[in-house]
N, C-alpha and C. Protein backbone atom coordinates (compact mmCIF):
# COMPACT_ATOMS: atom_id res chain seq x y z
N PRO A 1 0.71 -1.11 0.02
CA PRO A 1 0.01 -0.19 0.06
C PRO A 1 0.82 1.34 -0.04
N PHE A 2 0.46 2.51 -0.59
CA PHE A 2 1.20 3.51 -0.79
C PHE A 2 1.08 4.30 0.76
N ASP A 3 2.04 4.83 1.01
CA ASP A 3 2.23 5.56 2.24
C ASP A 3 1.76 7.03 2.08
N CYS A 4 0.54 7.23 2.93
CA CYS A 4 0.13 8.80 2.53
C CYS A 4 0.33 9.51 3.82
N LEU A 5 0.10 10.67 4.05
CA LEU A 5 0.32 11.59 4.98
C LEU A 5 -1.14 11.22 5.85
N PRO A 6 -0.78 11.36 7.10
CA PRO A 6 -1.89 11.07 8.15
C PRO A 6 -3.24 11.71 7.74
N GLY A 7 -4.56 10.71 7.31
CA GLY A 7 -5.82 11.63 7.27
C GLY A 7 -5.87 11.73 5.68
N GLN A 8 -4.77 11.59 4.92
CA GLN A 8 -5.08 11.59 3.53
C GLN A 8 -5.42 10.83 2.64
N SER A 9 -6.06 10.79 1.41
CA SER A 9 -6.18 9.68 0.59
C SER A 9 -5.15 9.97 -0.31
N ILE A 10 -5.11 8.80 -1.36
CA ILE A 10 -4.18 8.91 -2.33
C ILE A 10 -4.33 10.17 -3.37
N PHE A 11 -5.79 10.54 -3.29
CA PHE A 11 -5.97 11.50 -4.40
C PHE A 11 -5.82 12.85 -3.65
N ARG A 12 -5.80 13.11 -2.30
CA ARG A 12 -5.69 14.33 -1.60
C ARG A 12 -3.99 14.27 -1.76
N ARG A 13 -3.24 13.56 -1.54
CA ARG A 13 -2.11 13.49 -1.67
C ARG A 13 -1.18 14.04 -2.86
N LEU A 14 -2.01 13.35 -4.00
CA LEU A 14 -1.52 13.65 -5.45
C LEU A 14 -1.75 15.20 -5.49
N ASN A 15 -2.90 15.61 -5.08
CA ASN A 15 -3.32 17.09 -5.06
C ASN A 15 -2.53 18.01 -4.39
N THR A 16 -2.11 17.63 -3.19
CA THR A 16 -1.12 18.31 -2.38
C THR A 16 0.23 18.60 -3.28
N ILE A 17 0.74 17.46 -3.84
CA ILE A 17 2.33 17.41 -4.36
C ILE A 17 1.91 18.28 -5.57
N ALA A 18 0.82 17.95 -6.37
CA ALA A 18 0.87 18.68 -7.51
C ALA A 18 0.61 20.48 -7.52
N ARG A 19 0.00 20.65 -6.80
CA ARG A 19 -0.07 22.14 -6.29
C ARG A 19 1.17 22.69 -6.06
N ARG A 20 1.90 22.07 -5.31
CA ARG A 20 3.29 22.61 -4.90
C ARG A 20 4.22 22.66 -5.91
N GLU A 21 4.09 21.30 -6.88
CA GLU A 21 5.20 21.44 -7.75
C GLU A 21 4.90 21.94 -9.26
N ILE A 22 3.38 21.69 -9.41
CA ILE A 22 3.15 21.68 -10.94
C ILE A 22 3.66 22.93 -11.86
N LEU A 23 3.90 23.97 -11.05
CA LEU A 23 4.58 25.15 -11.88
C LEU A 23 5.69 25.02 -11.97
N ASN A 24 6.57 24.18 -11.43
CA ASN A 24 7.98 23.62 -11.67
C ASN A 24 8.35 22.44 -12.75
N MET A 25 7.34 22.20 -13.79
CA MET A 25 7.32 21.38 -14.83
C MET A 25 6.99 21.98 -16.11
N ARG A 26 7.40 21.55 -17.08
CA ARG A 26 6.98 21.96 -18.36
C ARG A 26 5.68 21.50 -18.70
N PRO A 27 4.60 22.26 -19.01
CA PRO A 27 3.19 21.91 -19.20
C PRO A 27 3.06 20.51 -19.93
N GLU A 28 3.74 20.52 -21.14
CA GLU A 28 3.85 19.16 -21.84
C GLU A 28 4.04 18.06 -21.39
N ARG A 29 5.09 17.97 -20.33
CA ARG A 29 5.74 16.99 -19.57
C ARG A 29 4.33 16.60 -18.64
N ILE A 30 3.77 17.41 -17.98
CA ILE A 30 2.77 17.07 -17.07
C ILE A 30 1.69 16.46 -17.61
N LYS A 31 1.25 17.15 -18.72
CA LYS A 31 0.09 16.45 -19.69
C LYS A 31 0.33 14.94 -20.00
N ASP A 32 1.66 14.60 -20.56
CA ASP A 32 2.32 13.31 -20.90
C ASP A 32 2.05 12.49 -19.62
N LEU A 33 2.51 13.19 -18.66
CA LEU A 33 2.55 12.26 -17.39
C LEU A 33 1.34 11.82 -16.95
N LEU A 34 0.22 12.65 -16.89
CA LEU A 34 -0.91 12.34 -16.73
C LEU A 34 -1.70 11.43 -17.61
N GLU A 35 -1.39 11.56 -19.03
CA GLU A 35 -2.08 10.59 -19.88
C GLU A 35 -1.36 9.19 -19.68
N ARG A 36 -0.22 9.24 -19.48
CA ARG A 36 0.55 7.95 -19.11
C ARG A 36 -0.06 7.29 -17.84
N PHE A 37 -0.53 7.98 -17.00
CA PHE A 37 -1.27 7.49 -15.70
C PHE A 37 -2.48 7.09 -15.90
N GLN A 38 -3.10 7.78 -16.74
CA GLN A 38 -4.80 7.53 -17.15
C GLN A 38 -4.66 6.11 -18.11
N ARG A 39 -3.56 5.76 -19.04
CA ARG A 39 -3.59 4.70 -19.47
C ARG A 39 -3.09 3.76 -18.77
N GLY A 40 -2.72 3.71 -17.63
CA GLY A 40 -2.15 2.62 -16.87
C GLY A 40 -0.60 2.26 -16.92
N GLU A 41 0.16 3.33 -17.67
CA GLU A 41 1.62 2.86 -17.97
C GLU A 41 2.27 3.47 -16.83
N LEU A 42 1.87 4.37 -16.03
CA LEU A 42 2.50 4.57 -14.65
C LEU A 42 1.45 4.53 -13.44
N SER A 43 2.34 3.98 -12.36
CA SER A 43 1.46 3.67 -10.99
C SER A 43 1.53 5.04 -10.35
N THR A 44 0.63 5.27 -9.30
CA THR A 44 0.33 6.30 -8.40
C THR A 44 1.69 6.79 -7.92
N ARG A 45 2.48 5.84 -7.43
CA ARG A 45 3.97 6.08 -7.00
C ARG A 45 4.97 6.79 -7.73
N GLU A 46 4.79 6.04 -9.13
CA GLU A 46 5.87 6.72 -10.22
C GLU A 46 5.35 7.93 -10.41
N VAL A 47 4.17 8.59 -10.51
CA VAL A 47 3.50 9.69 -10.70
C VAL A 47 4.15 10.71 -9.67
N ILE A 48 3.77 10.35 -8.53
CA ILE A 48 4.42 11.28 -7.22
C ILE A 48 5.62 11.43 -7.19
N GLU A 49 6.63 10.23 -7.40
CA GLU A 49 7.97 10.42 -7.42
C GLU A 49 8.61 11.59 -8.33
N ARG A 50 7.76 11.39 -9.59
CA ARG A 50 8.27 12.31 -10.77
C ARG A 50 7.89 13.57 -10.40
N LEU A 51 6.80 13.98 -9.51
CA LEU A 51 6.30 15.41 -9.28
C LEU A 51 7.22 15.78 -8.22
N GLU A 52 7.70 14.94 -7.51
CA GLU A 52 8.54 15.40 -6.27
C GLU A 52 10.05 15.75 -6.55
N VAL A 53 10.20 15.49 -7.83
CA VAL A 53 11.72 16.10 -8.15
C VAL A 53 12.10 17.33 -7.64
N ALA A 54 13.02 17.70 -6.63
CA ALA A 54 13.30 19.07 -6.16
C ALA A 54 13.98 19.93 -7.61
N PRO A 55 13.46 21.11 -7.56
CA PRO A 55 13.87 21.78 -8.49
C PRO A 55 15.40 22.39 -8.48
N PHE A 56 15.86 22.30 -7.38
CA PHE A 56 17.43 22.36 -7.33
C PHE A 56 18.28 20.97 -6.89
N GLU A 57 19.38 20.49 -7.71
CA GLU A 57 20.02 19.46 -7.12
C GLU A 57 21.56 19.77 -6.69
N ASP A 58 22.03 19.72 -5.42
CA ASP A 58 23.08 20.27 -4.90
C ASP A 58 24.25 19.13 -4.99
N LEU A 59 25.10 19.43 -5.83
CA LEU A 59 26.24 18.49 -6.30
C LEU A 59 27.52 18.98 -5.36
N GLY A 60 27.35 19.81 -4.35
CA GLY A 60 28.33 20.04 -3.65
C GLY A 60 29.44 21.16 -4.32
N PHE A 61 29.83 21.35 -5.47
CA PHE A 61 30.50 22.14 -6.24
C PHE A 61 29.39 23.09 -7.09
N ALA A 62 28.24 22.72 -7.37
CA ALA A 62 27.31 23.29 -8.02
C ALA A 62 26.02 23.24 -7.71
N ARG A 63 25.16 24.05 -7.90
CA ARG A 63 23.51 23.85 -7.60
C ARG A 63 22.70 23.65 -8.94
N VAL A 64 22.39 22.44 -9.61
CA VAL A 64 21.83 22.34 -10.77
C VAL A 64 20.60 22.75 -10.75
N ASP A 65 20.18 23.81 -11.52
CA ASP A 65 18.77 24.12 -11.62
C ASP A 65 17.97 23.50 -12.61
N HIS A 66 17.14 22.77 -12.22
CA HIS A 66 16.25 21.68 -13.03
C HIS A 66 14.94 22.46 -13.40
N HIS A 67 14.79 23.42 -13.01
CA HIS A 67 13.45 24.08 -13.47
C HIS A 67 13.60 25.54 -14.10
N ARG A 68 14.93 25.44 -14.34
CA ARG A 68 15.05 26.88 -15.43
C ARG A 68 14.21 26.84 -16.72
N ALA A 69 14.13 25.61 -17.37
CA ALA A 69 13.31 25.71 -18.34
C ALA A 69 12.07 26.28 -18.21
N VAL A 70 11.44 25.76 -17.15
CA VAL A 70 9.87 26.34 -16.66
C VAL A 70 9.87 27.75 -16.58
N ARG A 71 10.90 28.31 -15.95
CA ARG A 71 10.89 29.76 -15.83
C ARG A 71 11.47 30.46 -16.78
N HIS A 72 12.23 30.05 -17.66
CA HIS A 72 12.92 30.87 -18.99
C HIS A 72 12.67 30.35 -20.03
N GLY A 73 12.01 28.88 -20.20
CA GLY A 73 12.17 28.43 -21.62
C GLY A 73 13.16 27.59 -22.12
N TYR A 74 13.97 27.46 -21.30
CA TYR A 74 15.39 26.43 -21.86
C TYR A 74 16.09 25.95 -20.48
N PRO A 75 16.61 24.96 -20.46
CA PRO A 75 17.50 24.57 -19.52
C PRO A 75 18.62 25.45 -19.07
N GLU A 76 18.91 25.35 -17.87
CA GLU A 76 20.40 25.89 -17.32
C GLU A 76 21.67 25.88 -18.51
N VAL A 77 22.23 26.70 -19.02
CA VAL A 77 23.46 26.65 -19.87
C VAL A 77 24.54 26.57 -18.87
N VAL A 78 25.46 25.73 -19.49
CA VAL A 78 26.67 25.19 -18.71
C VAL A 78 27.88 26.06 -19.19
N TYR A 79 28.52 26.87 -18.51
CA TYR A 79 29.57 27.77 -18.94
C TYR A 79 30.80 27.03 -18.37
N CYS A 80 31.56 26.66 -19.43
CA CYS A 80 32.67 25.68 -18.87
C CYS A 80 33.89 26.46 -18.33
N PRO A 81 34.20 27.71 -18.89
CA PRO A 81 35.64 27.98 -18.34
C PRO A 81 35.37 28.08 -16.65
N GLY A 82 36.65 27.93 -15.99
CA GLY A 82 36.67 27.87 -14.74
C GLY A 82 36.14 26.37 -14.09
N LYS A 83 35.61 25.62 -14.60
CA LYS A 83 35.31 24.40 -14.29
C LYS A 83 36.20 23.35 -14.64
N THR A 84 36.39 22.17 -13.66
CA THR A 84 37.15 21.21 -14.25
C THR A 84 36.34 20.20 -15.48
N PRO A 85 36.96 19.27 -15.96
CA PRO A 85 36.38 18.44 -16.77
C PRO A 85 35.32 17.40 -16.08
N ASP A 86 35.73 17.13 -14.97
CA ASP A 86 34.77 16.17 -14.16
C ASP A 86 33.59 17.01 -13.78
N GLN A 87 33.52 18.14 -13.49
CA GLN A 87 32.64 19.26 -12.84
C GLN A 87 31.77 19.23 -14.22
N VAL A 88 31.99 19.71 -15.37
CA VAL A 88 31.32 19.96 -16.69
C VAL A 88 30.56 18.49 -16.67
N SER A 89 31.36 17.34 -16.94
CA SER A 89 30.60 16.29 -17.07
C SER A 89 29.52 15.86 -16.08
N GLU A 90 29.66 15.99 -15.02
CA GLU A 90 28.67 15.92 -14.07
C GLU A 90 27.64 16.58 -14.01
N ILE A 91 27.56 18.00 -14.32
CA ILE A 91 26.51 18.91 -14.52
C ILE A 91 25.81 18.54 -15.49
N CYS A 92 26.41 18.26 -16.78
CA CYS A 92 25.90 17.88 -18.03
C CYS A 92 25.01 16.52 -17.89
N ALA A 93 25.56 15.52 -17.04
CA ALA A 93 24.94 14.46 -16.93
C ALA A 93 23.53 14.44 -16.03
N ARG A 94 23.81 15.39 -15.29
CA ARG A 94 22.36 15.48 -14.29
C ARG A 94 21.46 16.47 -15.26
N LEU A 95 21.69 17.26 -15.91
CA LEU A 95 20.76 17.95 -16.79
C LEU A 95 20.39 17.04 -18.03
N ALA A 96 20.97 16.18 -18.56
CA ALA A 96 20.61 15.35 -19.66
C ALA A 96 19.69 14.40 -19.15
N ALA A 97 19.87 13.81 -17.68
CA ALA A 97 18.77 12.80 -17.43
C ALA A 97 17.49 13.48 -17.20
N GLN A 98 17.35 14.69 -17.37
CA GLN A 98 15.81 15.45 -17.35
C GLN A 98 15.13 15.36 -18.68
N GLY A 99 15.95 15.09 -19.67
CA GLY A 99 15.61 14.90 -21.15
C GLY A 99 15.23 16.13 -21.82
N ASP A 100 15.48 17.47 -21.19
CA ASP A 100 15.37 18.75 -21.70
C ASP A 100 16.41 19.13 -22.59
N GLY A 101 17.44 18.27 -22.46
CA GLY A 101 18.52 18.86 -23.60
C GLY A 101 19.48 19.48 -22.73
N LEU A 102 20.63 19.93 -23.38
CA LEU A 102 21.66 20.85 -22.54
C LEU A 102 22.39 21.50 -23.69
N LEU A 103 23.15 22.78 -23.22
CA LEU A 103 23.90 23.54 -23.95
C LEU A 103 25.32 23.83 -23.34
N ALA A 104 26.36 23.48 -23.64
CA ALA A 104 27.60 23.79 -22.84
C ALA A 104 28.35 24.49 -23.79
N THR A 105 28.76 25.91 -23.27
CA THR A 105 29.29 26.77 -23.94
C THR A 105 30.75 27.27 -23.59
N ARG A 106 31.98 27.48 -24.46
CA ARG A 106 33.24 27.96 -24.42
C ARG A 106 33.90 26.50 -23.63
N ALA A 107 33.47 25.47 -24.38
CA ALA A 107 34.09 24.14 -23.85
C ALA A 107 35.40 23.81 -24.84
N ASP A 108 36.48 23.57 -23.99
CA ASP A 108 37.88 23.41 -24.86
C ASP A 108 37.42 21.81 -25.45
N GLN A 109 38.41 21.70 -26.41
CA GLN A 109 38.33 20.56 -27.13
C GLN A 109 38.36 19.40 -26.40
N ASN A 110 39.13 19.05 -25.10
CA ASN A 110 39.20 17.86 -24.27
C ASN A 110 37.75 17.69 -23.43
N MET A 111 37.00 18.85 -23.36
CA MET A 111 35.94 18.75 -22.60
C MET A 111 34.70 18.36 -23.59
N ARG A 112 34.81 18.88 -24.89
CA ARG A 112 33.83 18.73 -25.84
C ARG A 112 34.06 17.13 -26.35
N GLU A 113 35.32 16.56 -26.60
CA GLU A 113 35.48 15.10 -26.79
C GLU A 113 34.77 14.39 -25.75
N ARG A 114 35.20 14.68 -24.40
CA ARG A 114 34.56 14.08 -23.32
C ARG A 114 33.11 13.95 -23.54
N LEU A 115 32.44 14.83 -23.62
CA LEU A 115 30.91 15.05 -23.25
C LEU A 115 30.56 14.12 -24.74
N ALA A 116 31.07 14.16 -25.82
CA ALA A 116 30.72 13.30 -26.99
C ALA A 116 30.71 11.79 -26.67
N GLY A 117 31.57 11.16 -25.91
CA GLY A 117 31.84 10.31 -25.55
C GLY A 117 30.65 9.69 -24.60
N GLU A 118 30.28 10.49 -23.64
CA GLU A 118 29.23 10.25 -22.84
C GLU A 118 27.66 10.46 -23.10
N HIS A 119 27.78 11.28 -24.19
CA HIS A 119 26.16 11.49 -24.83
C HIS A 119 26.23 11.30 -26.14
N PRO A 120 25.92 10.28 -26.63
CA PRO A 120 26.05 9.91 -28.10
C PRO A 120 25.39 10.75 -29.26
N ARG A 121 24.15 11.50 -28.74
CA ARG A 121 23.49 12.44 -29.60
C ARG A 121 23.89 13.71 -29.46
N ILE A 122 24.93 14.02 -28.71
CA ILE A 122 25.29 15.54 -28.58
C ILE A 122 26.00 16.05 -29.79
N GLU A 123 25.66 17.24 -30.05
CA GLU A 123 26.32 17.95 -31.40
C GLU A 123 27.34 18.93 -30.83
N LEU A 124 28.62 18.56 -31.31
CA LEU A 124 29.85 19.44 -31.16
C LEU A 124 30.05 20.46 -32.46
N ASN A 125 30.51 21.77 -32.14
CA ASN A 125 30.79 22.72 -32.91
C ASN A 125 32.13 23.23 -32.41
N GLU A 126 32.95 23.07 -33.32
CA GLU A 126 34.48 23.37 -32.83
C GLU A 126 34.53 24.74 -33.23
N LEU A 127 34.05 25.60 -33.91
CA LEU A 127 34.29 27.02 -34.30
C LEU A 127 33.65 27.89 -32.99
N ALA A 128 32.22 27.26 -32.60
CA ALA A 128 31.69 28.04 -31.58
C ALA A 128 32.03 27.51 -30.30
N ARG A 129 32.84 26.48 -30.02
CA ARG A 129 33.22 25.78 -28.96
C ARG A 129 32.03 25.25 -27.99
N THR A 130 31.06 24.59 -28.61
CA THR A 130 29.81 24.38 -27.92
C THR A 130 29.55 22.89 -28.01
N ALA A 131 28.78 22.31 -27.10
CA ALA A 131 28.25 20.96 -27.28
C ALA A 131 26.73 21.07 -26.79
N TYR A 132 26.02 20.64 -27.79
CA TYR A 132 24.60 20.68 -27.51
C TYR A 132 23.90 19.54 -27.91
N LEU A 133 23.15 18.91 -26.77
CA LEU A 133 22.13 17.94 -26.68
C LEU A 133 20.85 18.03 -27.01
N PRO A 134 20.17 17.99 -28.04
CA PRO A 134 18.79 18.09 -28.40
C PRO A 134 17.91 17.36 -27.17
N PRO A 135 17.02 18.21 -26.90
CA PRO A 135 15.50 17.32 -25.88
C PRO A 135 15.40 16.26 -26.51
N ASP A 136 14.76 15.19 -25.47
CA ASP A 136 14.22 13.86 -25.93
C ASP A 136 13.10 14.01 -26.84
N GLU A 137 12.35 15.11 -26.74
CA GLU A 137 11.19 15.29 -27.58
C GLU A 137 11.32 16.62 -27.89
N PRO A 138 11.00 17.01 -29.04
CA PRO A 138 11.11 18.66 -29.46
C PRO A 138 10.18 19.58 -28.89
N VAL A 139 10.50 20.54 -28.61
CA VAL A 139 9.57 21.66 -27.66
C VAL A 139 9.19 22.59 -28.67
N ASP A 140 7.86 22.74 -28.75
CA ASP A 140 7.18 23.98 -29.63
C ASP A 140 7.45 25.31 -29.07
N VAL A 141 8.03 25.95 -29.88
CA VAL A 141 8.61 27.38 -29.49
C VAL A 141 7.90 28.62 -30.28
N ARG A 142 7.07 29.54 -29.83
CA ARG A 142 6.58 30.35 -30.47
C ARG A 142 7.72 31.41 -30.50
N VAL A 143 7.90 31.95 -31.92
CA VAL A 143 8.96 32.90 -32.43
C VAL A 143 8.36 33.99 -33.29
N ARG A 144 8.94 35.37 -32.99
CA ARG A 144 8.34 36.49 -33.64
C ARG A 144 8.94 36.66 -35.17
N GLY A 145 10.10 35.90 -35.38
CA GLY A 145 10.79 36.06 -36.69
C GLY A 145 12.14 35.29 -36.44
N SER A 146 12.65 35.56 -37.51
CA SER A 146 14.33 34.92 -37.36
C SER A 146 15.12 35.68 -36.36
N VAL A 147 16.26 35.24 -35.81
CA VAL A 147 17.14 36.09 -35.46
C VAL A 147 18.33 36.44 -36.45
N LEU A 148 18.67 37.50 -36.82
CA LEU A 148 19.61 38.01 -37.71
C LEU A 148 21.04 38.34 -36.94
N ILE A 149 22.12 37.61 -37.07
CA ILE A 149 23.46 37.51 -36.51
C ILE A 149 24.39 38.41 -37.58
N VAL A 150 24.82 39.76 -37.40
CA VAL A 150 25.60 40.25 -38.18
C VAL A 150 27.03 40.55 -37.99
N THR A 151 28.01 39.97 -38.42
CA THR A 151 29.26 40.23 -38.04
C THR A 151 30.17 41.21 -38.97
N ALA A 152 31.18 42.13 -38.49
CA ALA A 152 32.07 42.83 -39.45
C ALA A 152 33.06 42.39 -39.92
N GLY A 153 33.93 41.16 -39.61
CA GLY A 153 35.14 40.60 -39.91
C GLY A 153 34.95 39.13 -39.71
N THR A 154 36.17 38.56 -40.12
CA THR A 154 36.24 37.05 -39.83
C THR A 154 36.65 36.72 -38.45
N SER A 155 37.09 37.70 -37.89
CA SER A 155 37.54 37.40 -36.48
C SER A 155 36.40 37.21 -35.61
N ASP A 156 35.35 37.78 -35.99
CA ASP A 156 33.97 37.54 -35.18
C ASP A 156 33.06 36.17 -35.44
N LEU A 157 33.73 35.48 -36.37
CA LEU A 157 32.92 34.18 -36.70
C LEU A 157 32.70 33.42 -35.42
N PRO A 158 33.85 33.10 -34.61
CA PRO A 158 33.62 32.25 -33.49
C PRO A 158 32.31 32.76 -32.54
N VAL A 159 32.30 33.92 -32.07
CA VAL A 159 31.23 34.54 -31.24
C VAL A 159 29.88 34.20 -32.19
N ALA A 160 30.02 34.76 -33.41
CA ALA A 160 28.91 34.52 -33.97
C ALA A 160 28.20 33.25 -34.19
N GLU A 161 29.04 32.11 -34.32
CA GLU A 161 28.80 30.74 -34.62
C GLU A 161 28.07 30.42 -33.02
N GLU A 162 28.70 30.80 -31.89
CA GLU A 162 28.02 30.40 -30.51
C GLU A 162 26.93 31.24 -30.47
N ALA A 163 26.52 32.43 -30.81
CA ALA A 163 25.36 32.92 -30.67
C ALA A 163 24.28 32.36 -31.65
N ALA A 164 24.84 31.70 -32.84
CA ALA A 164 23.94 30.99 -33.70
C ALA A 164 23.30 29.59 -33.26
N VAL A 165 24.41 29.17 -32.48
CA VAL A 165 23.90 27.70 -31.81
C VAL A 165 22.87 27.95 -30.73
N THR A 166 23.55 28.98 -30.06
CA THR A 166 22.58 29.22 -28.70
C THR A 166 20.99 29.58 -29.15
N ALA A 167 21.01 30.30 -30.15
CA ALA A 167 19.67 30.85 -30.84
C ALA A 167 18.99 29.52 -31.19
N GLN A 168 19.49 28.88 -31.72
CA GLN A 168 19.05 28.00 -32.55
C GLN A 168 18.65 26.72 -31.41
N ALA A 169 19.25 26.74 -30.54
CA ALA A 169 19.12 25.70 -29.33
C ALA A 169 17.76 26.14 -28.75
N MET A 170 17.64 27.23 -28.83
CA MET A 170 16.42 27.83 -27.90
C MET A 170 15.23 27.87 -28.91
N GLY A 171 15.42 27.51 -30.26
CA GLY A 171 14.13 27.50 -30.95
C GLY A 171 14.08 28.57 -31.84
N ASN A 172 15.01 29.18 -31.92
CA ASN A 172 14.81 30.24 -33.05
C ASN A 172 15.57 29.99 -34.38
N PRO A 173 14.93 30.28 -35.40
CA PRO A 173 15.58 30.47 -36.74
C PRO A 173 16.78 31.52 -37.02
N VAL A 174 17.47 31.29 -37.74
CA VAL A 174 18.81 32.25 -37.64
C VAL A 174 19.21 32.55 -39.23
N ARG A 175 19.48 33.78 -39.24
CA ARG A 175 20.15 34.23 -40.48
C ARG A 175 21.26 34.88 -40.04
N ARG A 176 22.04 34.77 -41.33
CA ARG A 176 23.39 35.24 -40.82
C ARG A 176 23.82 36.34 -42.02
N LEU A 177 24.67 37.32 -41.53
CA LEU A 177 25.40 38.18 -42.52
C LEU A 177 26.79 38.15 -41.83
N ASP A 178 27.88 37.50 -42.65
CA ASP A 178 29.04 37.43 -42.12
C ASP A 178 30.06 38.40 -42.93
N ASP A 179 31.07 39.04 -42.48
CA ASP A 179 32.05 39.87 -42.84
C ASP A 179 31.50 40.86 -43.76
N VAL A 180 30.53 41.77 -43.04
CA VAL A 180 29.90 43.08 -43.63
C VAL A 180 30.75 43.74 -44.06
N GLY A 181 32.19 43.92 -43.11
CA GLY A 181 33.17 45.11 -43.82
C GLY A 181 32.67 46.35 -43.44
N VAL A 182 32.75 46.77 -42.18
CA VAL A 182 32.59 48.37 -41.87
C VAL A 182 33.61 49.16 -42.68
N ALA A 183 34.38 48.76 -42.94
CA ALA A 183 35.70 49.47 -43.40
C ALA A 183 35.10 49.85 -44.89
N GLY A 184 34.34 49.05 -45.68
CA GLY A 184 34.04 49.38 -47.02
C GLY A 184 32.75 49.49 -47.24
N MET A 185 32.29 50.79 -47.59
CA MET A 185 30.84 51.26 -47.50
C MET A 185 30.08 50.39 -48.71
N GLU A 186 30.36 50.15 -49.70
CA GLU A 186 29.79 49.19 -50.71
C GLU A 186 29.34 47.75 -49.88
N CYS A 187 30.29 47.28 -49.02
CA CYS A 187 29.74 45.98 -48.47
C CYS A 187 28.70 46.41 -47.47
N THR A 188 28.94 47.44 -46.89
CA THR A 188 27.94 47.99 -45.82
C THR A 188 26.47 48.28 -46.32
N ARG A 189 26.39 48.83 -47.50
CA ARG A 189 25.11 49.42 -48.18
C ARG A 189 24.61 48.07 -48.79
N CYS A 190 25.16 47.09 -48.86
CA CYS A 190 24.71 45.91 -49.15
C CYS A 190 24.00 45.14 -48.23
N ALA A 191 24.60 44.96 -46.91
CA ALA A 191 24.36 44.61 -45.76
C ALA A 191 23.06 45.32 -45.35
N ALA A 192 22.88 46.58 -45.37
CA ALA A 192 21.84 47.39 -44.72
C ALA A 192 20.63 47.13 -45.82
N TRP A 193 20.97 46.98 -46.79
CA TRP A 193 19.55 46.67 -47.65
C TRP A 193 19.09 45.17 -47.29
N THR A 194 20.14 44.12 -47.15
CA THR A 194 19.83 42.95 -46.61
C THR A 194 18.82 42.70 -45.55
N MET A 195 19.51 43.77 -44.66
CA MET A 195 18.68 43.73 -43.37
C MET A 195 17.21 44.53 -43.31
N TRP A 196 17.34 45.44 -44.11
CA TRP A 196 15.91 46.19 -44.57
C TRP A 196 14.75 45.05 -45.24
N VAL A 197 15.45 44.27 -45.82
CA VAL A 197 14.64 42.95 -46.73
C VAL A 197 14.15 42.03 -45.47
N TRP A 198 15.00 41.89 -44.42
CA TRP A 198 14.80 41.04 -43.64
C TRP A 198 14.21 41.75 -42.13
N ARG A 199 13.72 42.96 -42.43
CA ARG A 199 13.43 43.71 -41.38
C ARG A 199 12.62 43.23 -40.01
N GLY A 200 11.95 42.01 -40.46
CA GLY A 200 11.22 41.38 -39.22
C GLY A 200 11.96 40.69 -38.42
N SER A 201 13.21 40.49 -38.53
CA SER A 201 14.30 39.84 -37.70
C SER A 201 14.65 40.56 -36.49
N THR A 202 14.94 40.14 -35.39
CA THR A 202 15.61 40.30 -34.26
C THR A 202 17.34 40.58 -34.79
N VAL A 203 17.80 41.84 -34.43
CA VAL A 203 19.26 42.00 -34.73
C VAL A 203 20.12 41.55 -33.82
N SER A 204 21.14 40.82 -33.84
CA SER A 204 22.36 40.81 -33.00
C SER A 204 23.59 41.17 -33.71
N TRP A 205 24.28 42.15 -33.47
CA TRP A 205 25.29 42.85 -34.04
C TRP A 205 26.45 42.98 -33.32
N ARG A 206 27.74 42.60 -33.80
CA ARG A 206 29.16 42.59 -33.25
C ARG A 206 30.01 43.05 -34.26
N THR A 207 30.79 44.21 -33.74
CA THR A 207 31.60 44.59 -34.71
C THR A 207 33.08 44.44 -33.88
N THR A 208 33.97 44.16 -34.82
CA THR A 208 35.45 44.23 -34.44
C THR A 208 36.08 44.37 -35.80
N LYS A 209 37.66 44.46 -35.54
CA LYS A 209 38.43 44.59 -36.50
C LYS A 209 38.64 43.17 -37.26
N SER A 210 38.68 42.96 -38.53
CA SER A 210 39.03 41.44 -39.10
C SER A 210 40.42 41.50 -39.10
């Protein structure tokens, strides 16, 4: 028999937990959970255990925010500089276990190769220095338009690629204008015309010398 709080029925127990935790899960996941329970694929105990997952997981060296996706629409991004390979590996493993995917940024080659060995579906980008693991199930994201990433020179490509990977990971279509060349007016005029044509896009602009 399932252990309930004193004086509570199974359904009152479920209701108590759900009211406390339901805002801390993605709606589509809650819907899937309830549908599986209705079909008899999950027991009452299994449903309660999944609803009782803590929003933060303390690893000692880091507190993993498992409910960031609910509050901001995407799981916590792992910024790798300053972390050891073991720390990055452990954080990514805990995030991946939730099924919402993960994004690790500024990861050096050793970190990227290690993550690739631990997560077969992970997508590595050498130029962006990122490691991206898609969620187990695609998430429907409403967007207002494409994200337009504009760079002035070739030296901007790494950060532009990182911006593109990040935007796409969060469900945004991306358009690129690379090496616009602020020193050359013809290139700049051409880029300005293209941006006007794509005027529905959100613009991310970075300028440095090439």
